Amino acid sequence: MRKDGQITSLSGTEFEVFYQVVERRGELVLRREFKPWEKEGSPDQRNPVDAVMVQIRKKLGDSVVEGERGKGYRLGRGLTVEIIASPSASELERLVAIALNQINDHTSASFRAAIENCEELLKVGKIPDAYAVLGLAHINQGHVGFAREQPSVAINKARQVIDEALRWFPNLGSALALKGLATLIYDYDWRTAEADFRKALELSPENELGHCFLSHLLVAKGAFDEGLRHARIAARIDYQSPRTVATEPWLMLFAGHPADAVTKGEEVAKRFAESAPAHVILGHAYRAVGATTKAIEEYRRTLDIEFLPDALASLGFIHARMGRRPEALDSLAAIYQAKDSGRIAYASSYFTALVYNGLGEKKKALDALDSAFEEKCDWLIYLGVEPRWEELRGEQRFVRLMRRVGIKRSLKITSGRN
């Protein structure tokens, strides 16, 4: 029960009795009509309904239920009741399953569909999975890899959903994991985020979001073995989600295992052939082992499936490293054209930095990374482990930026060829 914004717990019997009062919408419910007793009281024995009503009034207030001496009880005269028709349990399960499949598709279109679906579900009732899917969809809309909404807008929407979920379900592991994710990628508060992830897993050990998000945090700060272990657990639990399964090869790359990342990335991209993120991650792995032609093919395959600015920027980085400056800048210009046309909501300075770093223009790259920090770019948490920033890790400006992001030390990653 919720009263004046606060949750009040009723026992099973209290709730059943109170529901009978509410159901009658102000009409008197006689003592002998109350289930589960349905009997007349005796003069020398208190009717069990009276004892339950004492407890209900203590919890909800005297004005919520009115008594008529010697007869029964009715809902307080100042209260009204609205009965909201809801789908059957089986229909709700079907709608929740649809929402889960939509978020697993991990495309900008599926995020929008999941948001609409979950918002409708939450009009029906307080459904834990709907809150989790809705919060994750909002975060992904603002994620730099998709850039379909400004990060500040997306995170604010997600946090509203997460806060509401935790008010209704304080021990909901998925909501705590999402809370930690927002704290990590937007506030760069690593300690609080990690505490949320671990609390989520304490409450729900098989929570794939908790394992997945914790794996990113651990690998980003250099705890590679533990991070990859959590990535594997997440992939086992959420084996039908390309988003979750593709995490493992991506983090293998960051952990300095590019050959393993290629092997696992090929497996994931074959299994989820229409997943743009799976192909872009495989492209990153190919680039790290020097398979430039294959990397370019994967980035182009990504763009055939869906417009991801990361794929364009990665093409720009490769062209830059190959000495093709015009092609590199053309890739960057295409991202800004997509922003101007409304195809994406913003063009992250992170990608500008990536291309200029490929061109060897360190000052421009560092300037752009500083701008990315002001934009609250979520991928800055990988500055210490992303192989493409290796040449900048000796720069004092880069070290200072890592510290601002919360990365305490530079990590030496053996990531294969540039």
Protein backbone atom coordinates (compact mmCIF):
# COMPACT_ATOMS: atom_id res chain seq x y z
CA MET A 1 0.00 0.00 0.00
CA ARG A 2 1.14 3.56 -0.66
CA LYS A 3 -0.15 6.45 1.46
CA ASP A 4 1.04 10.06 1.09
CA GLY A 5 3.92 8.84 -1.03
CA GLN A 6 5.10 6.35 1.57
CA ILE A 7 4.91 2.57 1.30
CA THR A 8 3.04 0.85 4.14
CA SER A 9 3.09 -2.91 4.49
CA LEU A 10 -0.14 -4.73 5.32
CA SER A 11 -0.28 -8.36 6.33
CA GLY A 12 -2.09 -10.76 4.00
CA THR A 13 -5.21 -10.75 6.19
CA GLU A 14 -5.16 -6.96 6.59
CA PHE A 15 -4.89 -6.47 2.87
CA GLU A 16 -7.70 -8.93 2.15
CA VAL A 17 -10.02 -7.20 4.62
CA PHE A 18 -9.15 -3.72 3.41
CA TYR A 19 -9.61 -4.78 -0.22
CA GLN A 20 -13.15 -5.91 0.57
CA VAL A 21 -13.91 -2.46 1.95
CA VAL A 22 -12.39 -0.75 -1.08
CA GLU A 23 -14.25 -3.06 -3.47
CA ARG A 24 -17.61 -1.92 -2.06
CA ARG A 25 -16.76 1.73 -2.84
CA GLY A 26 -18.26 3.35 0.24
CA GLU A 27 -21.07 0.88 0.90
CA LEU A 28 -21.23 -0.69 4.32
CA VAL A 29 -19.68 -4.16 4.63
CA LEU A 30 -21.35 -6.06 7.47
CA ARG A 31 -19.14 -7.90 9.90
CA ARG A 32 -20.67 -11.25 8.90
CA GLU A 33 -19.82 -10.58 5.23
CA PHE A 34 -16.07 -10.33 5.68
CA LYS A 35 -14.05 -13.21 4.33
CA PRO A 36 -12.51 -15.47 5.49
CA TRP A 37 -14.80 -15.56 8.56
CA GLU A 38 -18.31 -14.76 7.23
CA LYS A 39 -19.99 -15.33 10.56
CA GLU A 40 -22.00 -13.48 13.16
CA GLY A 41 -20.07 -12.30 16.19
CA SER A 42 -21.07 -13.51 19.63
CA PRO A 43 -21.86 -11.06 22.47
CA ASP A 44 -19.07 -12.40 24.67
CA GLN A 45 -16.38 -12.56 21.97
CA ARG A 46 -14.84 -9.81 19.86
CA ASN A 47 -15.42 -10.19 16.13
CA PRO A 48 -12.05 -10.93 14.40
CA VAL A 49 -12.76 -8.16 11.84
CA ASP A 50 -12.56 -5.56 14.62
CA ALA A 51 -9.05 -6.61 15.59
CA VAL A 52 -7.88 -6.44 11.97
CA MET A 53 -9.47 -3.00 11.50
CA VAL A 54 -7.55 -1.68 14.50
CA GLN A 55 -4.30 -2.60 12.76
CA ILE A 56 -5.40 -1.18 9.39
CA ARG A 57 -6.30 2.14 11.00
CA LYS A 58 -2.98 2.29 12.80
CA LYS A 59 -1.15 1.89 9.50
CA LEU A 60 -3.39 3.89 7.14
CA GLY A 61 -5.12 6.38 9.46
CA ASP A 62 -8.50 6.51 11.18
CA SER A 63 -10.17 8.37 8.32
CA VAL A 64 -9.46 5.65 5.76
CA VAL A 65 -12.04 3.23 7.19
CA GLU A 66 -15.20 4.26 9.02
CA GLY A 67 -17.06 1.95 11.37
CA GLU A 68 -20.80 1.80 12.04
CA ARG A 69 -21.22 0.66 15.61
CA GLY A 70 -22.41 -2.92 15.93
CA LYS A 71 -22.78 -3.38 12.15
CA GLY A 72 -19.68 -3.12 10.00
CA TYR A 73 -17.23 -0.91 8.10
CA ARG A 74 -17.07 1.26 4.99
CA LEU A 75 -14.42 3.22 3.10
CA GLY A 76 -13.85 6.76 4.41
CA ARG A 77 -16.33 9.20 2.89
CA GLY A 78 -13.59 11.46 1.53
CA LEU A 79 -12.06 8.70 -0.58
CA THR A 80 -12.94 7.60 -4.10
CA VAL A 81 -12.10 4.38 -5.90
CA GLU A 82 -11.06 3.95 -9.51
CA ILE A 83 -11.05 0.44 -10.93
CA ILE A 84 -8.50 0.10 -13.74
CA ALA A 85 -8.97 -2.74 -16.18
CA SER A 86 -5.78 -4.72 -16.64
CA PRO A 87 -4.63 -7.52 -18.94
CA SER A 88 -4.68 -11.08 -17.75
CA ALA A 89 -1.56 -12.51 -16.15
CA SER A 90 -0.74 -14.41 -19.33
CA GLU A 91 -1.13 -11.27 -21.44
CA LEU A 92 1.13 -9.34 -19.07
CA GLU A 93 3.75 -12.05 -19.33
CA ARG A 94 3.56 -11.86 -23.12
CA LEU A 95 3.98 -8.07 -23.12
CA VAL A 96 6.93 -8.25 -20.72
CA ALA A 97 8.54 -10.93 -22.93
CA ILE A 98 8.14 -8.62 -25.94
CA ALA A 99 9.84 -5.79 -24.04
CA LEU A 100 12.73 -8.05 -23.03
CA ASN A 101 13.21 -9.19 -26.62
CA GLN A 102 13.16 -5.59 -27.81
CA ILE A 103 15.92 -4.50 -25.45
CA ASN A 104 17.94 -7.59 -26.40
CA ASP A 105 17.82 -6.58 -30.08
CA HIS A 106 20.02 -3.63 -29.06
CA THR A 107 19.12 -1.26 -31.87
CA SER A 108 17.92 2.33 -31.65
CA ALA A 109 14.55 1.27 -33.06
CA SER A 110 14.21 -1.49 -30.45
CA PHE A 111 15.03 0.99 -27.68
CA ARG A 112 12.20 3.27 -28.79
CA ALA A 113 9.80 0.34 -29.07
CA ALA A 114 10.81 -0.96 -25.64
CA ILE A 115 10.26 2.48 -24.11
CA GLU A 116 6.75 2.73 -25.55
CA ASN A 117 5.91 -0.84 -24.54
CA CYS A 118 7.21 -0.49 -20.98
CA GLU A 119 5.51 2.85 -20.42
CA GLU A 120 2.22 1.17 -21.32
CA LEU A 121 2.99 -1.78 -19.06
CA LEU A 122 3.70 0.52 -16.12
CA LYS A 123 0.30 2.15 -16.56
CA VAL A 124 -1.17 -1.27 -15.77
CA GLY A 125 0.92 -2.04 -12.71
CA LYS A 126 4.30 -1.96 -11.03
CA ILE A 127 6.21 -4.59 -13.02
CA PRO A 128 9.89 -5.04 -12.07
CA ASP A 129 11.08 -6.20 -15.51
CA ALA A 130 9.32 -3.27 -17.18
CA TYR A 131 11.20 -0.83 -14.96
CA ALA A 132 14.51 -2.53 -15.74
CA VAL A 133 13.95 -2.57 -19.50
CA LEU A 134 12.73 1.03 -19.52
CA GLY A 135 15.70 2.31 -17.53
CA LEU A 136 18.19 0.44 -19.72
CA ALA A 137 16.53 1.63 -22.93
CA HIS A 138 16.78 5.27 -21.81
CA ILE A 139 20.46 4.89 -20.94
CA ASN A 140 21.20 3.29 -24.30
CA GLN A 141 19.44 6.09 -26.15
CA GLY A 142 22.03 8.51 -24.79
CA HIS A 143 24.97 6.10 -25.03
CA VAL A 144 27.75 7.44 -27.26
CA GLY A 145 27.59 4.32 -29.43
CA PHE A 146 24.03 5.21 -30.49
CA ALA A 147 23.75 8.96 -29.71
CA ARG A 148 19.98 9.03 -30.23
CA GLU A 149 19.43 11.37 -27.28
CA GLN A 150 21.54 13.86 -25.34
CA PRO A 151 23.25 12.07 -22.43
CA SER A 152 21.90 14.51 -19.82
CA VAL A 153 18.33 13.95 -21.03
CA ALA A 154 18.68 10.18 -21.29
CA ILE A 155 20.30 9.78 -17.87
CA ASN A 156 17.71 12.01 -16.22
CA LYS A 157 14.88 9.92 -17.67
CA ALA A 158 16.61 6.70 -16.64
CA ARG A 159 17.18 7.94 -13.11
CA GLN A 160 13.53 8.85 -12.69
CA VAL A 161 12.57 5.32 -13.71
CA ILE A 162 15.23 3.75 -11.48
CA ASP A 163 14.21 5.85 -8.47
CA GLU A 164 10.58 4.86 -8.89
CA ALA A 165 11.52 1.21 -9.28
CA LEU A 166 13.54 1.28 -6.07
CA ARG A 167 10.71 2.98 -4.19
CA TRP A 168 8.40 0.11 -5.07
CA PHE A 169 11.04 -2.64 -5.06
CA PRO A 170 13.94 -1.63 -2.76
CA ASN A 171 15.70 -4.95 -3.34
CA LEU A 172 15.36 -5.07 -7.13
CA GLY A 173 18.82 -6.12 -8.32
CA SER A 174 18.35 -4.84 -11.89
CA ALA A 175 17.38 -1.37 -10.67
CA LEU A 176 20.43 -1.21 -8.40
CA ALA A 177 22.66 -2.32 -11.29
CA LEU A 178 21.21 0.40 -13.52
CA LYS A 179 21.66 2.95 -10.75
CA GLY A 180 25.30 1.97 -10.57
CA LEU A 181 25.70 2.19 -14.34
CA ALA A 182 24.34 5.74 -14.45
CA THR A 183 26.63 6.68 -11.56
CA LEU A 184 29.67 5.23 -13.34
CA ILE A 185 29.20 6.54 -16.88
CA TYR A 186 27.71 9.95 -16.04
CA ASP A 187 29.17 10.90 -12.64
CA TYR A 188 32.40 8.88 -12.98
CA ASP A 189 31.87 7.77 -9.39
CA TRP A 190 33.56 4.38 -9.51
CA ARG A 191 33.34 3.50 -5.82
CA THR A 192 29.61 4.11 -5.49
CA ALA A 193 28.92 2.37 -8.80
CA GLU A 194 30.88 -0.72 -7.78
CA ALA A 195 29.05 -0.84 -4.45
CA ASP A 196 25.72 -0.74 -6.30
CA PHE A 197 26.79 -3.52 -8.69
CA ARG A 198 27.96 -5.77 -5.88
CA LYS A 199 24.83 -5.08 -3.83
CA ALA A 200 22.72 -5.95 -6.88
CA LEU A 201 24.52 -9.29 -7.17
CA GLU A 202 24.20 -9.91 -3.45
CA LEU A 203 20.43 -9.49 -3.78
CA SER A 204 20.21 -11.31 -7.11
CA PRO A 205 23.27 -13.50 -7.85
CA GLU A 206 22.01 -14.44 -11.33
CA ASN A 207 21.34 -10.85 -12.39
CA GLU A 208 22.91 -10.46 -15.84
CA LEU A 209 22.92 -6.64 -15.68
CA GLY A 210 24.88 -6.66 -12.45
CA HIS A 211 27.48 -9.07 -13.85
CA CYS A 212 27.70 -7.25 -17.18
CA PHE A 213 28.10 -3.73 -15.77
CA LEU A 214 30.53 -4.86 -13.08
CA SER A 215 32.64 -6.57 -15.74
CA HIS A 216 33.01 -3.27 -17.61
CA LEU A 217 34.02 -1.40 -14.45
CA LEU A 218 36.55 -4.02 -13.38
CA VAL A 219 38.24 -4.30 -16.78
CA ALA A 220 38.28 -0.51 -17.18
CA LYS A 221 40.23 -0.18 -13.93
CA GLY A 222 42.58 -3.07 -14.73
CA ALA A 223 41.07 -5.97 -12.77
CA PHE A 224 41.05 -8.08 -15.93
CA ASP A 225 40.62 -11.62 -14.64
CA GLU A 226 37.72 -10.79 -12.34
CA GLY A 227 36.14 -8.57 -14.98
CA LEU A 228 36.26 -11.24 -17.68
CA ARG A 229 34.85 -13.78 -15.24
CA HIS A 230 31.79 -11.59 -14.68
CA ALA A 231 31.48 -11.04 -18.45
CA ARG A 232 31.38 -14.81 -18.98
CA ILE A 233 28.75 -15.22 -16.27
CA ALA A 234 26.60 -12.49 -17.83
CA ALA A 235 26.89 -14.14 -21.26
CA ARG A 236 25.85 -17.49 -19.78
CA ILE A 237 22.80 -16.02 -18.07
CA ASP A 238 21.73 -13.70 -20.90
CA TYR A 239 22.84 -15.90 -23.80
CA GLN A 240 20.15 -14.62 -26.18
CA SER A 241 21.23 -10.98 -25.96
CA PRO A 242 23.90 -9.82 -28.44
CA ARG A 243 24.53 -6.83 -26.17
CA THR A 244 25.53 -9.04 -23.27
CA VAL A 245 27.30 -11.78 -25.24
CA ALA A 246 29.35 -9.25 -27.24
CA THR A 247 30.66 -7.78 -23.99
CA GLU A 248 33.10 -10.67 -23.60
CA PRO A 249 35.16 -10.16 -26.80
CA TRP A 250 35.10 -6.39 -26.32
CA LEU A 251 36.54 -6.68 -22.82
CA MET A 252 39.03 -9.32 -23.98
CA LEU A 253 40.41 -6.65 -26.29
CA PHE A 254 40.65 -4.13 -23.45
CA ALA A 255 42.32 -6.75 -21.24
CA GLY A 256 45.11 -7.20 -23.79
CA HIS A 257 43.93 -10.42 -25.47
CA PRO A 258 43.22 -9.31 -29.06
CA ALA A 259 43.61 -12.77 -30.63
CA ASP A 260 41.09 -14.21 -28.17
CA ALA A 261 38.85 -11.22 -28.87
CA VAL A 262 38.94 -12.06 -32.60
CA THR A 263 38.03 -15.70 -31.99
CA LYS A 264 35.18 -14.89 -29.63
CA GLY A 265 34.11 -11.88 -31.71
CA GLU A 266 33.80 -14.02 -34.86
CA GLU A 267 31.67 -16.49 -32.95
CA VAL A 268 29.38 -13.74 -31.63
CA ALA A 269 29.07 -11.94 -34.99
CA LYS A 270 28.19 -15.21 -36.72
CA ARG A 271 25.58 -16.06 -34.12
CA PHE A 272 24.07 -12.57 -34.11
CA ALA A 273 24.58 -11.76 -37.77
CA GLU A 274 22.20 -8.78 -37.76
CA SER A 275 23.63 -7.15 -34.64
CA ALA A 276 25.48 -3.95 -35.53
CA PRO A 277 27.34 -3.77 -32.16
CA ALA A 278 28.60 -7.34 -32.60
CA HIS A 279 30.15 -6.44 -35.96
CA VAL A 280 31.68 -3.16 -34.81
CA ILE A 281 33.32 -4.93 -31.85
CA LEU A 282 34.70 -7.60 -34.18
CA GLY A 283 36.07 -4.77 -36.33
CA HIS A 284 37.91 -3.37 -33.30
CA ALA A 285 39.41 -6.81 -32.60
CA TYR A 286 40.55 -7.24 -36.22
CA ARG A 287 42.18 -3.81 -36.18
CA ALA A 288 44.05 -4.65 -32.97
CA VAL A 289 45.69 -7.71 -34.56
CA GLY A 290 46.54 -5.84 -37.75
CA ALA A 291 43.80 -7.34 -39.96
CA THR A 292 42.95 -3.95 -41.42
CA THR A 293 40.99 -5.14 -44.44
CA LYS A 294 38.77 -7.35 -42.30
CA ALA A 295 38.27 -4.50 -39.82
CA ILE A 296 37.10 -2.19 -42.60
CA GLU A 297 34.70 -4.87 -43.85
CA GLU A 298 33.19 -5.25 -40.37
CA TYR A 299 32.76 -1.49 -39.93
CA ARG A 300 31.01 -1.26 -43.30
CA ARG A 301 28.89 -4.28 -42.44
CA THR A 302 27.90 -2.45 -39.25
CA LEU A 303 26.79 0.61 -41.20
CA ASP A 304 24.78 -1.57 -43.58
CA ILE A 305 22.80 -2.83 -40.58
CA GLU A 306 22.45 0.40 -38.62
CA PHE A 307 24.04 3.83 -38.46
CA LEU A 308 26.48 3.74 -35.55
CA PRO A 309 28.83 6.73 -35.33
CA ASP A 310 31.45 4.48 -33.73
CA ALA A 311 31.78 2.54 -36.99
CA LEU A 312 32.36 5.72 -38.99
CA ALA A 313 34.88 7.08 -36.51
CA SER A 314 36.68 3.74 -36.48
CA LEU A 315 36.90 3.82 -40.27
CA GLY A 316 38.28 7.33 -39.94
CA PHE A 317 40.90 6.14 -37.44
CA ILE A 318 42.04 3.35 -39.79
CA HIS A 319 42.20 5.70 -42.80
CA ALA A 320 44.22 8.13 -40.68
CA ARG A 321 46.71 5.42 -39.71
CA MET A 322 47.02 4.47 -43.36
CA GLY A 323 47.91 8.06 -44.26
CA ARG A 324 44.56 8.75 -45.95
CA ARG A 325 43.83 12.09 -44.34
CA PRO A 326 40.96 13.16 -46.67
CA GLU A 327 39.13 9.85 -46.14
CA ALA A 328 39.68 10.10 -42.38
CA LEU A 329 38.20 13.61 -42.22
CA ASP A 330 35.35 12.56 -44.53
CA SER A 331 34.35 9.90 -42.00
CA LEU A 332 34.32 12.49 -39.26
CA ALA A 333 32.32 14.91 -41.42
CA ALA A 334 29.73 12.19 -42.07
CA ILE A 335 29.09 11.92 -38.32
CA TYR A 336 28.41 15.66 -38.08
CA GLN A 337 26.20 15.51 -41.15
CA ALA A 338 24.17 12.79 -39.43
CA LYS A 339 23.82 15.07 -36.43
CA ASP A 340 22.75 18.04 -38.56
CA SER A 341 20.17 15.93 -40.38
CA GLY A 342 18.69 14.69 -37.10
CA ARG A 343 19.74 11.11 -37.65
CA ILE A 344 21.60 11.24 -34.34
CA ALA A 345 21.09 13.68 -31.47
CA TYR A 346 24.72 14.65 -31.01
CA ALA A 347 28.17 14.10 -32.49
CA SER A 348 30.47 13.15 -29.64
CA SER A 349 33.84 14.89 -29.38
CA TYR A 350 35.17 11.45 -28.44
CA PHE A 351 35.01 10.49 -32.11
CA THR A 352 36.70 13.72 -33.17
CA ALA A 353 39.51 12.89 -30.76
CA LEU A 354 39.78 9.36 -32.14
CA VAL A 355 40.24 10.50 -35.72
CA TYR A 356 42.76 13.23 -34.84
CA ASN A 357 44.66 10.77 -32.68
CA GLY A 358 44.84 8.49 -35.70
CA LEU A 359 46.23 11.39 -37.70
CA GLY A 360 48.88 11.98 -35.04
CA GLU A 361 47.55 15.44 -34.18
CA LYS A 362 47.77 15.08 -30.42
CA LYS A 363 46.75 18.59 -29.40
CA LYS A 364 43.52 18.43 -31.39
CA ALA A 365 42.86 14.96 -30.03
CA LEU A 366 43.41 16.12 -26.44
CA ASP A 367 41.27 19.22 -26.95
CA ALA A 368 38.45 17.01 -28.23
CA LEU A 369 38.81 14.60 -25.31
CA ASP A 370 38.48 17.51 -22.89
CA SER A 371 35.27 18.46 -24.70
CA ALA A 372 34.08 14.85 -24.45
CA PHE A 373 34.54 15.09 -20.67
CA GLU A 374 32.32 18.16 -20.55
CA GLU A 375 29.75 16.25 -22.63
CA LYS A 376 29.75 13.43 -20.02
CA CYS A 377 30.90 10.87 -22.60
CA ASP A 378 30.42 7.38 -21.19
CA TRP A 379 33.31 5.80 -23.09
CA LEU A 380 35.88 7.90 -21.24
CA ILE A 381 35.87 5.21 -18.56
CA TYR A 382 37.92 3.08 -20.99
CA LEU A 383 40.72 5.63 -21.49
CA GLY A 384 43.15 3.47 -19.53
CA VAL A 385 42.54 0.29 -21.53
CA GLU A 386 41.28 1.20 -25.03
CA PRO A 387 44.25 0.31 -27.32
CA ARG A 388 43.69 3.23 -29.69
CA TRP A 389 44.69 5.75 -26.99
CA GLU A 390 48.02 4.07 -26.33
CA GLU A 391 50.12 6.85 -27.89
CA LEU A 392 48.51 9.49 -25.67
CA ARG A 393 49.04 7.75 -22.35
CA GLY A 394 52.42 9.46 -21.83
CA GLU A 395 50.89 12.92 -22.27
CA GLN A 396 50.33 14.82 -19.02
CA ARG A 397 47.01 16.23 -20.29
CA PHE A 398 45.81 12.70 -20.94
CA VAL A 399 46.89 11.55 -17.48
CA ARG A 400 45.08 14.50 -15.89
CA LEU A 401 41.97 13.70 -17.87
CA MET A 402 42.06 10.07 -16.74
CA ARG A 403 42.24 11.25 -13.14
CA ARG A 404 39.25 13.54 -13.68
CA VAL A 405 37.36 10.54 -14.99
CA GLY A 406 38.39 8.56 -11.91
CA ILE A 407 41.09 6.36 -13.45
CA LYS A 408 43.90 6.39 -10.92
CA ARG A 409 46.71 4.92 -12.97
CA SER A 410 47.71 4.31 -16.55
CA LEU A 411 47.74 0.65 -17.54
CA LYS A 412 50.25 -0.94 -19.86
CA ILE A 413 48.17 -3.05 -22.23
CA THR A 414 49.76 -5.41 -24.73
CA SER A 415 47.13 -5.17 -27.41
CA GLY A 416 48.80 -6.25 -30.60
CA ARG A 417 49.64 -4.06 -33.56
CA ASN A 418 48.27 -0.54 -33.98
